[in-house]
Amino acid sequence: MDKLKFYLAFFLLITFSYSTFAQRLPHSEKYVAPLTCDLLITGGTVVTMDADRRVIEDGAVAIKDGKIIRVGRRAVVTKNLTAKRTINAAGKAVIPGLINTHTHAAMSLFRGISDDLDLNEWLTKYIFPAEGKNVTEQFVRAGTRLGLAEMIRGGTTTYCDMYYFEDAVADESKKAGVRGVLGETIIDFPVADNKNNAEAMAYTERYLKKWANDPLIVPAIAPHAPYTVSTDHLRAIKALSDKYNAAVVTHVSETKKERDDILAQKGMTPAKYLDSIGFLTDRVIAAHNVWLTPEEIDIYAAKGVGAAHCPQSNMKLASGTAPIPAMLAKGVAVGLGTDGAASNNDLDMWEEMDTAAKLHKLISTDPKTLPAEQAFEMATIRGARALHLDKITGSIEGGKRADIAIVDLDSLNQTPYFNIYSSLVYSTKAADVRTVIIDGRIVMLDRRLLTLNENVIKKDANAYRRKIIDSLKN
């Protein structure tokens, strides 16, 4: 028994002594268990967008089974680490993949079809007729591939979509390896995929079931707007969302006309009306929000509604400027979106960051409004919160999915370089993105798309251009 006590005391003494010694070691010298990873990104400036907003010079990110398993200084991350593949990011920024919180990817095929009009005229005289004559499942597939290729090239790794034949959008996104919250549009008139509400609801329910629990695709329901979907149908959509715990994507308060019409019809502004029928929840993602009142901003904050800010589209259609600083001050999860390429006319999130930061300085007459870091936050972690996906993406942290873009920092438009957020938001262009990784899979390497065929995509898009031109002559 005395020997047992002696050995136990000796063991505890050794353990305590090593623990004390290890705590005094520099972090880089501490023992790190041997590990093998699938992909190692090393040598870049890692912009984590974690809670501490760490920016790690000469950093590294280790990825295994699609997840980030280590992130930190290169000397620490690479210790006792064996990588199956290594990407040298020296002289580059390693950032969370950008998150486009609102678009219509297939509408890339309508890019430039009609410009310089207000929303109502643009929709009713050009877009709705063009869609009626051209949109089929194959059209949607071709347009989605075009949109996906453009987004990947610009470093977007997650996008929120709403359109027709959304099952095909999901299929193309899955093939391309892009993460998406993808909403099947429900609208109260006949459209390309469904001719009435009963058909649309049945299609949507099948769609929700098919893509449930997919690692990349979040199937969603997308009622077009409060002015194109009846109260009864909005309530039915809310019930379907409750049944499947499904996300809901919609347009809210995009124009003054919409705001005024809903106010006249319902006696309430659009977001307040939606709240009054029990529609707003923490599964809702509302796009535009240009004409929100302070009371409606409070409703968004209380209900956990995610919001998508589309500054360039709102400017081009002269819809107005969303009260983003007020929404941010209330803690609303606001992300940036491009809207569709038919009203923007591109899917470039770098332009949206730059525009958002400058637009709100202009409107507020305060140059301190929406600084660069906050704009970058809206394109990454806050955008992830807007889509209710911040537990898995939006920042470079251990345990999150590996959605990452590697960006040059030495192009002419970025030289000289002083501040990382300033450079990313005000100087960086989509062409500066070199490599894109989604869910641990490399989808673009050194500007070469690996999951999509750019030449075929452009050929298909130009074939549809001729069809669209011919259809509008009739």
Protein backbone atom coordinates (compact mmCIF):
# COMPACT_ATOMS: atom_id res chain seq x y z
CA MET A 1 0.00 0.00 0.00
CA ASP A 2 2.89 2.36 0.85
CA LYS A 3 4.46 1.65 -2.56
CA LEU A 4 1.15 2.42 -4.27
CA LYS A 5 0.90 5.77 -2.47
CA PHE A 6 4.51 6.56 -3.39
CA TYR A 7 4.00 5.84 -7.10
CA LEU A 8 0.76 7.82 -7.14
CA ALA A 9 2.42 10.83 -5.52
CA PHE A 10 5.38 10.58 -7.93
CA PHE A 11 3.02 10.43 -10.94
CA LEU A 12 1.08 13.49 -9.77
CA LEU A 13 4.32 15.42 -9.19
CA ILE A 14 5.62 14.66 -12.69
CA THR A 15 2.26 15.55 -14.26
CA PHE A 16 2.08 18.86 -12.41
CA SER A 17 5.68 19.73 -13.25
CA TYR A 18 5.17 19.07 -16.99
CA SER A 19 1.91 21.03 -17.02
CA THR A 20 3.60 24.02 -15.38
CA PHE A 21 6.54 23.79 -17.79
CA ALA A 22 4.25 23.51 -20.84
CA GLN A 23 2.26 26.56 -19.80
CA ARG A 24 5.46 28.60 -19.76
CA LEU A 25 6.46 27.51 -23.25
CA PRO A 26 5.84 29.88 -26.15
CA HIS A 27 2.67 28.83 -27.99
CA SER A 28 4.68 27.70 -31.00
CA GLU A 29 6.70 25.30 -28.84
CA LYS A 30 3.82 23.56 -27.11
CA TYR A 31 3.19 19.95 -27.94
CA VAL A 32 0.77 19.47 -30.81
CA ALA A 33 -0.53 16.00 -31.60
CA PRO A 34 0.44 14.63 -35.03
CA LEU A 35 -2.32 15.10 -37.57
CA THR A 36 -3.01 14.57 -41.26
CA CYS A 37 -5.18 17.00 -43.21
CA ASP A 38 -6.58 16.97 -46.73
CA LEU A 39 -5.63 20.55 -47.60
CA LEU A 40 -3.30 23.11 -46.08
CA ILE A 41 -3.35 26.79 -47.00
CA THR A 42 -0.17 28.41 -45.79
CA GLY A 43 1.69 31.71 -45.73
CA GLY A 44 -1.14 34.18 -46.37
CA THR A 45 -2.79 36.92 -44.32
CA VAL A 46 -5.72 35.09 -42.78
CA VAL A 47 -8.73 37.37 -42.21
CA THR A 48 -10.74 35.16 -39.87
CA MET A 49 -13.87 37.28 -39.16
CA ASP A 50 -14.14 35.34 -35.91
CA ALA A 51 -15.47 36.94 -32.72
CA ASP A 52 -12.10 38.59 -32.07
CA ARG A 53 -11.71 39.64 -35.71
CA ARG A 54 -8.23 38.14 -35.78
CA VAL A 55 -6.04 38.99 -38.76
CA ILE A 56 -3.14 36.55 -38.81
CA GLU A 57 -0.02 37.46 -40.75
CA ASP A 58 1.92 34.47 -42.11
CA GLY A 59 -1.05 32.34 -41.19
CA ALA A 60 -2.28 28.92 -42.15
CA VAL A 61 -5.54 26.99 -42.37
CA ALA A 62 -5.75 23.20 -42.20
CA ILE A 63 -8.79 21.42 -43.68
CA LYS A 64 -9.97 17.84 -43.23
CA ASP A 65 -13.23 16.23 -44.39
CA GLY A 66 -14.51 19.63 -45.53
CA LYS A 67 -13.99 21.26 -42.13
CA ILE A 68 -11.45 23.71 -40.81
CA ILE A 69 -9.45 21.85 -38.16
CA ARG A 70 -6.68 24.36 -37.42
CA VAL A 71 -6.24 28.07 -38.03
CA GLY A 72 -3.49 30.31 -36.73
CA ARG A 73 0.12 31.25 -37.30
CA ARG A 74 1.85 29.06 -39.85
CA ALA A 75 4.47 27.86 -37.39
CA VAL A 76 1.75 26.62 -35.01
CA VAL A 77 -0.70 25.16 -37.52
CA THR A 78 1.90 23.21 -39.45
CA LYS A 79 3.57 21.69 -36.39
CA ASN A 80 3.28 17.87 -36.52
CA LEU A 81 0.94 18.28 -39.49
CA THR A 82 1.06 16.28 -42.70
CA ALA A 83 -0.97 17.64 -45.61
CA LYS A 84 -2.10 15.69 -48.65
CA ARG A 85 -2.14 18.94 -50.62
CA THR A 86 -0.71 22.38 -49.88
CA ILE A 87 -1.57 25.77 -51.39
CA ASN A 88 1.01 28.51 -50.93
CA ALA A 89 -0.87 31.74 -50.21
CA ALA A 90 2.16 33.92 -49.46
CA GLY A 91 1.46 37.53 -50.38
CA LYS A 92 -2.28 36.88 -50.56
CA ALA A 93 -5.30 37.27 -48.31
CA VAL A 94 -7.10 34.15 -47.11
CA ILE A 95 -10.68 35.20 -46.42
CA PRO A 96 -14.04 33.60 -45.67
CA GLY A 97 -15.89 32.94 -48.90
CA LEU A 98 -18.23 35.81 -49.75
CA ILE A 99 -21.96 35.38 -49.14
CA ASN A 100 -24.44 36.76 -51.66
CA THR A 101 -27.64 37.05 -49.62
CA HIS A 102 -29.98 37.77 -52.53
CA THR A 103 -29.94 36.98 -56.22
CA HIS A 104 -31.77 35.28 -59.08
CA ALA A 105 -28.95 33.31 -60.69
CA ALA A 106 -30.81 32.15 -63.80
CA MET A 107 -31.71 35.75 -64.66
CA SER A 108 -28.10 36.16 -65.77
CA LEU A 109 -29.49 35.29 -69.21
CA PHE A 110 -31.56 38.50 -69.08
CA ARG A 111 -28.48 40.66 -68.35
CA GLY A 112 -28.98 44.01 -70.11
CA ILE A 113 -32.35 43.06 -71.64
CA SER A 114 -33.80 46.36 -70.44
CA ASP A 115 -32.22 49.13 -68.41
CA ASP A 116 -32.94 52.58 -66.99
CA LEU A 117 -36.55 51.94 -65.95
CA ASP A 118 -38.36 51.90 -62.62
CA LEU A 119 -39.10 48.51 -61.08
CA ASN A 120 -42.78 48.30 -61.99
CA GLU A 121 -42.25 49.17 -65.66
CA TRP A 122 -39.13 46.98 -65.85
CA LEU A 123 -41.02 44.00 -64.47
CA THR A 124 -44.37 44.34 -66.21
CA LYS A 125 -43.21 45.46 -69.68
CA TYR A 126 -40.00 43.47 -70.06
CA ILE A 127 -39.11 40.88 -67.45
CA PHE A 128 -42.45 39.14 -66.93
CA PRO A 129 -43.14 38.93 -70.72
CA ALA A 130 -39.58 37.71 -71.42
CA GLU A 131 -39.90 35.09 -68.70
CA GLY A 132 -43.26 33.94 -70.02
CA LYS A 133 -41.82 33.35 -73.49
CA ASN A 134 -38.42 31.92 -72.58
CA VAL A 135 -38.16 30.35 -69.14
CA THR A 136 -38.01 26.56 -69.14
CA GLU A 137 -36.08 24.15 -66.96
CA GLN A 138 -33.23 24.08 -69.50
CA PHE A 139 -33.18 27.89 -69.59
CA VAL A 140 -32.91 27.95 -65.79
CA ARG A 141 -30.09 25.39 -65.83
CA ALA A 142 -28.10 27.37 -68.41
CA GLY A 143 -28.64 30.67 -66.61
CA THR A 144 -27.77 29.17 -63.25
CA ARG A 145 -24.50 27.76 -64.57
CA LEU A 146 -23.63 31.19 -65.95
CA GLY A 147 -24.42 32.82 -62.61
CA LEU A 148 -22.51 30.20 -60.63
CA ALA A 149 -19.40 30.61 -62.77
CA GLU A 150 -19.47 34.37 -62.30
CA MET A 151 -19.97 34.08 -58.56
CA ILE A 152 -17.16 31.56 -58.09
CA ARG A 153 -14.79 33.77 -60.08
CA GLY A 154 -15.59 36.59 -57.65
CA GLY A 155 -15.02 34.52 -54.52
CA THR A 156 -18.66 33.89 -53.61
CA THR A 157 -19.09 30.53 -51.90
CA THR A 158 -22.69 30.80 -50.64
CA TYR A 159 -25.67 32.44 -52.30
CA CYS A 160 -29.38 32.91 -51.63
CA ASP A 161 -31.55 32.43 -54.70
CA MET A 162 -35.21 32.67 -55.61
CA TYR A 163 -36.54 31.68 -59.00
CA TYR A 164 -38.51 29.05 -60.91
CA PHE A 165 -37.56 25.38 -61.35
CA GLU A 166 -35.53 25.73 -58.17
CA ASP A 167 -34.99 21.98 -58.04
CA ALA A 168 -32.88 22.42 -61.20
CA VAL A 169 -31.06 25.36 -59.58
CA ALA A 170 -30.25 23.10 -56.62
CA ASP A 171 -29.05 20.35 -58.95
CA GLU A 172 -26.71 22.69 -60.86
CA SER A 173 -25.42 24.26 -57.64
CA LYS A 174 -24.68 20.84 -56.18
CA LYS A 175 -22.77 19.81 -59.32
CA ALA A 176 -20.75 23.03 -59.21
CA GLY A 177 -20.04 22.54 -55.50
CA VAL A 178 -21.58 25.85 -54.41
CA ARG A 179 -23.46 26.32 -51.13
CA GLY A 180 -26.93 27.77 -51.53
CA VAL A 181 -30.13 28.75 -49.76
CA LEU A 182 -32.40 28.21 -52.74
CA GLY A 183 -36.03 29.31 -52.73
CA GLU A 184 -38.76 28.04 -55.05
CA THR A 185 -40.83 31.06 -56.09
CA ILE A 186 -44.54 31.12 -55.28
CA ILE A 187 -46.56 33.87 -56.92
CA ASP A 188 -50.28 34.37 -57.51
CA PHE A 189 -50.31 34.13 -61.29
CA PRO A 190 -49.25 31.43 -63.78
CA VAL A 191 -45.48 31.15 -64.24
CA ALA A 192 -43.07 28.88 -66.05
CA ASP A 193 -43.00 25.95 -63.65
CA ASN A 194 -46.40 26.09 -61.94
CA LYS A 195 -49.70 27.44 -63.23
CA ASN A 196 -51.49 27.96 -59.91
CA ASN A 197 -50.91 28.04 -56.17
CA ALA A 198 -51.84 24.39 -55.64
CA GLU A 199 -49.23 23.26 -58.17
CA ALA A 200 -46.61 25.60 -56.69
CA MET A 201 -47.19 24.39 -53.14
CA ALA A 202 -47.06 20.73 -54.19
CA TYR A 203 -43.85 21.32 -56.19
CA THR A 204 -42.31 23.17 -53.25
CA GLU A 205 -43.14 20.43 -50.75
CA ARG A 206 -41.55 17.79 -52.98
CA TYR A 207 -38.54 20.04 -53.36
CA LEU A 208 -38.18 20.54 -49.60
CA LYS A 209 -38.31 16.80 -49.01
CA LYS A 210 -35.83 15.98 -51.76
CA TRP A 211 -33.08 18.33 -50.57
CA ALA A 212 -33.58 18.06 -46.81
CA ASN A 213 -30.31 17.61 -44.90
CA ASP A 214 -28.12 18.08 -47.98
CA PRO A 215 -24.63 19.30 -46.93
CA LEU A 216 -24.61 22.13 -49.52
CA ILE A 217 -28.23 22.89 -50.43
CA VAL A 218 -30.73 24.53 -48.06
CA PRO A 219 -34.13 24.24 -49.79
CA ALA A 220 -36.38 27.22 -49.12
CA ILE A 221 -39.83 28.60 -49.94
CA ALA A 222 -39.87 31.91 -51.79
CA PRO A 223 -43.16 33.85 -51.86
CA HIS A 224 -42.37 36.64 -54.30
CA ALA A 225 -43.65 39.62 -52.26
CA PRO A 226 -46.60 40.72 -50.13
CA TYR A 227 -48.14 42.45 -53.17
CA THR A 228 -48.04 39.31 -55.39
CA VAL A 229 -49.07 36.65 -52.85
CA SER A 230 -52.38 36.71 -50.99
CA THR A 231 -52.73 36.68 -47.21
CA ASP A 232 -54.18 33.16 -47.25
CA HIS A 233 -51.32 31.90 -49.38
CA LEU A 234 -48.73 33.61 -47.17
CA ARG A 235 -50.26 31.88 -44.14
CA ALA A 236 -50.12 28.53 -45.95
CA ILE A 237 -46.46 29.15 -46.80
CA LYS A 238 -45.75 29.90 -43.13
CA ALA A 239 -47.43 26.59 -42.19
CA LEU A 240 -45.33 24.71 -44.75
CA SER A 241 -42.20 26.38 -43.37
CA ASP A 242 -43.19 25.33 -39.86
CA LYS A 243 -43.80 21.75 -40.99
CA TYR A 244 -40.35 21.33 -42.54
CA ASN A 245 -38.42 23.94 -40.52
CA ALA A 246 -37.71 25.50 -43.90
CA ALA A 247 -36.19 28.88 -44.70
CA VAL A 248 -38.41 31.50 -46.37
CA VAL A 249 -37.02 34.00 -48.90
CA THR A 250 -39.04 37.02 -50.00
CA HIS A 251 -38.93 40.64 -51.19
CA VAL A 252 -40.12 43.29 -48.72
CA SER A 253 -40.56 47.06 -49.13
CA GLU A 254 -38.45 47.35 -52.26
CA THR A 255 -40.20 50.45 -53.59
CA LYS A 256 -42.24 53.36 -52.31
CA LYS A 257 -45.12 52.22 -54.53
CA GLU A 258 -45.13 48.82 -52.85
CA ARG A 259 -45.07 50.46 -49.42
CA ASP A 260 -47.90 52.84 -50.31
CA ASP A 261 -50.07 50.17 -51.98
CA ILE A 262 -49.81 47.76 -49.03
CA LEU A 263 -50.49 50.60 -46.62
CA ALA A 264 -53.62 51.52 -48.58
CA GLN A 265 -54.84 47.92 -48.85
CA LYS A 266 -53.94 46.58 -45.41
CA GLY A 267 -53.71 49.71 -43.28
CA MET A 268 -50.13 48.76 -42.44
CA THR A 269 -46.70 48.96 -44.00
CA PRO A 270 -45.41 45.72 -45.60
CA ALA A 271 -43.23 44.30 -42.82
CA LYS A 272 -45.77 45.22 -40.15
CA TYR A 273 -48.49 43.54 -42.23
CA LEU A 274 -46.38 40.38 -42.58
CA ASP A 275 -45.79 40.37 -38.84
CA SER A 276 -49.50 40.86 -38.14
CA ILE A 277 -50.33 37.60 -39.95
CA GLY A 278 -47.60 35.69 -38.10
CA PHE A 279 -45.37 35.39 -41.16
CA LEU A 280 -42.10 36.77 -39.81
CA THR A 281 -39.80 34.35 -37.97
CA ASP A 282 -36.10 33.65 -37.56
CA ARG A 283 -36.31 31.50 -40.70
CA VAL A 284 -37.23 34.45 -42.94
CA ILE A 285 -34.73 36.18 -45.24
CA ALA A 286 -36.15 39.49 -46.50
CA ALA A 287 -34.55 41.23 -49.47
CA HIS A 288 -34.28 44.97 -50.14
CA ASN A 289 -36.12 46.52 -47.13
CA VAL A 290 -35.69 49.97 -48.66
CA TRP A 291 -38.74 51.57 -47.07
CA LEU A 292 -38.69 50.04 -43.59
CA THR A 293 -39.91 52.19 -40.71
CA PRO A 294 -38.16 52.31 -37.31
CA GLU A 295 -40.99 50.16 -35.93
CA GLU A 296 -40.43 47.56 -38.64
CA ILE A 297 -36.69 47.52 -37.92
CA ASP A 298 -37.54 46.71 -34.30
CA ILE A 299 -39.78 43.87 -35.51
CA TYR A 300 -36.94 42.43 -37.59
CA ALA A 301 -34.60 42.59 -34.61
CA ALA A 302 -37.13 40.99 -32.25
CA LYS A 303 -38.11 38.21 -34.67
CA GLY A 304 -34.57 37.43 -35.89
CA VAL A 305 -35.38 38.18 -39.53
CA GLY A 306 -32.35 38.11 -41.84
CA ALA A 307 -32.07 41.02 -44.28
CA ALA A 308 -30.40 41.34 -47.68
CA HIS A 309 -29.16 44.76 -48.77
CA CYS A 310 -28.81 45.17 -52.56
CA PRO A 311 -27.39 48.69 -52.98
CA GLN A 312 -26.51 48.62 -56.68
CA SER A 313 -29.84 47.15 -57.80
CA ASN A 314 -31.77 49.60 -55.61
CA MET A 315 -29.74 52.49 -57.05
CA LYS A 316 -30.14 51.37 -60.67
CA LEU A 317 -33.92 51.00 -60.33
CA ALA A 318 -34.10 54.22 -58.27
CA SER A 319 -35.94 52.30 -55.56
CA GLY A 320 -34.30 54.22 -52.73
CA THR A 321 -31.73 53.51 -50.04
CA ALA A 322 -32.38 51.01 -47.27
CA PRO A 323 -31.87 52.28 -43.68
CA ILE A 324 -28.88 50.00 -43.14
CA PRO A 325 -27.08 51.98 -40.40
CA ALA A 326 -30.27 51.99 -38.33
CA MET A 327 -30.76 48.27 -38.93
CA LEU A 328 -27.18 47.50 -37.92
CA ALA A 329 -27.54 49.64 -34.80
CA LYS A 330 -30.52 47.50 -33.76
CA GLY A 331 -28.57 44.30 -34.29
CA VAL A 332 -30.41 43.12 -37.40
CA ALA A 333 -28.46 40.51 -39.36
CA VAL A 334 -27.91 42.39 -42.63
CA GLY A 335 -25.98 40.84 -45.48
CA LEU A 336 -25.15 42.11 -48.95
CA GLY A 337 -26.75 40.85 -52.14
CA THR A 338 -26.33 41.57 -55.81
CA ASP A 339 -29.93 40.90 -56.84
CA GLY A 340 -30.17 39.35 -60.31
CA ALA A 341 -27.86 40.30 -63.15
CA ALA A 342 -30.89 41.62 -65.02
CA SER A 343 -31.12 44.54 -62.61
CA ASN A 344 -27.53 45.10 -61.52
CA ASN A 345 -25.96 43.95 -64.09
CA ASP A 346 -23.45 41.61 -62.50
CA LEU A 347 -23.01 39.29 -59.51
CA ASP A 348 -19.90 40.97 -58.13
CA MET A 349 -19.88 41.13 -54.33
CA TRP A 350 -16.75 43.30 -54.28
CA GLU A 351 -18.69 46.05 -56.02
CA GLU A 352 -21.54 45.67 -53.52
CA MET A 353 -19.16 46.10 -50.57
CA ASP A 354 -17.57 49.19 -52.07
CA THR A 355 -20.94 50.67 -53.06
CA ALA A 356 -22.62 49.98 -49.70
CA ALA A 357 -19.84 51.65 -47.73
CA LYS A 358 -19.82 54.75 -49.93
CA LEU A 359 -23.58 55.04 -50.45
CA HIS A 360 -24.34 55.23 -46.74
CA LYS A 361 -21.58 57.76 -46.17
CA LEU A 362 -23.23 59.91 -48.84
CA ILE A 363 -26.77 59.51 -47.50
CA SER A 364 -25.72 60.19 -43.90
CA THR A 365 -23.21 62.92 -44.86
CA ASP A 366 -20.88 61.21 -42.39
CA PRO A 367 -17.70 59.57 -43.74
CA LYS A 368 -17.49 57.39 -40.63
CA THR A 369 -20.73 55.59 -41.51
CA LEU A 370 -20.35 51.93 -42.51
CA PRO A 371 -16.54 51.66 -42.35
CA ALA A 372 -14.69 49.11 -44.46
CA GLU A 373 -14.52 46.43 -41.77
CA GLN A 374 -18.29 46.59 -41.27
CA ALA A 375 -18.91 46.34 -45.03
CA PHE A 376 -16.65 43.30 -45.19
CA GLU A 377 -18.51 41.83 -42.23
CA MET A 378 -21.79 42.19 -44.16
CA ALA A 379 -20.28 40.20 -47.03
CA THR A 380 -19.05 37.42 -44.72
CA ILE A 381 -20.10 36.58 -41.16
CA ARG A 382 -23.08 38.95 -40.90
CA GLY A 383 -24.26 37.71 -44.31
CA ALA A 384 -24.05 34.18 -42.92
CA ARG A 385 -26.21 35.30 -39.98
CA ALA A 386 -28.72 36.83 -42.39
CA LEU A 387 -29.06 33.41 -44.05
CA HIS A 388 -29.14 31.70 -40.64
CA LEU A 389 -25.97 29.77 -41.57
CA ASP A 390 -23.41 31.42 -39.28
CA LYS A 391 -22.86 28.21 -37.31
CA ILE A 392 -21.29 26.58 -40.35
CA THR A 393 -19.85 29.35 -42.55
CA GLY A 394 -19.00 33.06 -42.79
CA SER A 395 -15.72 32.96 -40.85
CA ILE A 396 -12.50 30.97 -40.73
CA GLU A 397 -12.77 29.10 -37.44
CA GLY A 398 -12.11 25.58 -36.25
CA GLY A 399 -15.14 23.34 -36.74
CA LYS A 400 -16.74 25.42 -39.50
CA ARG A 401 -17.04 24.26 -43.09
CA ALA A 402 -14.08 25.24 -45.21
CA ASP A 403 -15.58 27.98 -47.43
CA ILE A 404 -12.56 30.10 -48.32
CA ALA A 405 -11.29 32.47 -51.02
CA ILE A 406 -7.65 33.32 -51.65
CA VAL A 407 -7.18 36.85 -52.97
CA ASP A 408 -4.19 38.62 -54.49
CA LEU A 409 -2.94 41.69 -52.63
CA ASP A 410 -0.39 42.94 -55.15
CA SER A 411 -2.36 43.97 -58.23
CA LEU A 412 -1.91 47.53 -59.49
CA ASN A 413 -5.28 48.57 -58.08
CA GLN A 414 -4.20 47.36 -54.62
CA THR A 415 -0.71 48.88 -54.57
CA PRO A 416 0.51 50.17 -52.15
CA TYR A 417 -1.16 48.16 -49.40
CA PHE A 418 -1.61 49.56 -45.86
CA ASN A 419 -4.79 48.19 -44.26
CA ILE A 420 -6.36 44.82 -45.00
CA TYR A 421 -10.02 45.87 -44.73
CA SER A 422 -9.46 49.04 -46.75
CA SER A 423 -7.70 47.06 -49.44
CA LEU A 424 -10.38 44.37 -49.59
CA VAL A 425 -13.39 46.69 -49.63
CA TYR A 426 -12.20 49.74 -51.57
CA SER A 427 -9.47 48.37 -53.86
CA THR A 428 -10.04 44.68 -54.56
CA LYS A 429 -11.80 43.51 -57.73
CA ALA A 430 -13.35 40.16 -58.60
CA ALA A 431 -10.38 39.49 -60.90
CA ASP A 432 -8.07 39.53 -57.86
CA VAL A 433 -9.60 36.30 -56.53
CA ARG A 434 -7.21 33.44 -57.31
CA THR A 435 -8.58 30.31 -55.68
CA VAL A 436 -11.93 29.31 -54.18
CA ILE A 437 -12.66 26.42 -51.82
CA ILE A 438 -16.18 25.36 -50.83
CA ASP A 439 -16.84 22.70 -48.22
CA GLY A 440 -13.17 21.76 -48.49
CA ARG A 441 -13.33 21.23 -52.27
CA ILE A 442 -11.28 23.39 -54.62
CA VAL A 443 -13.72 24.78 -57.21
CA MET A 444 -11.34 27.34 -58.73
CA LEU A 445 -7.54 27.11 -58.71
CA ASP A 446 -5.39 29.98 -59.96
CA ARG A 447 -8.39 31.47 -61.83
CA ARG A 448 -9.25 28.16 -63.54
CA LEU A 449 -12.77 26.87 -62.90
CA LEU A 450 -12.67 23.21 -61.96
CA THR A 451 -16.36 22.32 -61.66
CA LEU A 452 -17.82 24.31 -64.56
CA ASN A 453 -16.92 24.60 -68.26
CA GLU A 454 -16.67 28.30 -69.03
CA ASN A 455 -16.60 27.94 -72.82
CA VAL A 456 -19.73 25.77 -72.90
CA ILE A 457 -21.50 28.12 -70.48
CA LYS A 458 -20.85 31.16 -72.69
CA LYS A 459 -21.87 29.28 -75.83
CA ASP A 460 -25.18 28.26 -74.25
CA ALA A 461 -25.82 31.80 -72.95
CA ASN A 462 -25.28 33.36 -76.37
CA ALA A 463 -27.64 30.83 -77.97
CA TYR A 464 -30.35 31.94 -75.52
CA ARG A 465 -29.59 35.57 -76.31
CA ARG A 466 -30.80 35.05 -79.89
CA LYS A 467 -33.93 33.25 -78.70
CA ILE A 468 -34.75 36.05 -76.25
CA ILE A 469 -34.31 38.74 -78.93
CA ASP A 470 -36.59 36.85 -81.32
CA SER A 471 -39.23 36.27 -78.63
CA LEU A 472 -39.52 39.96 -77.81
CA LYS A 473 -40.22 40.86 -81.46
CA ASN A 474 -43.52 38.96 -81.35
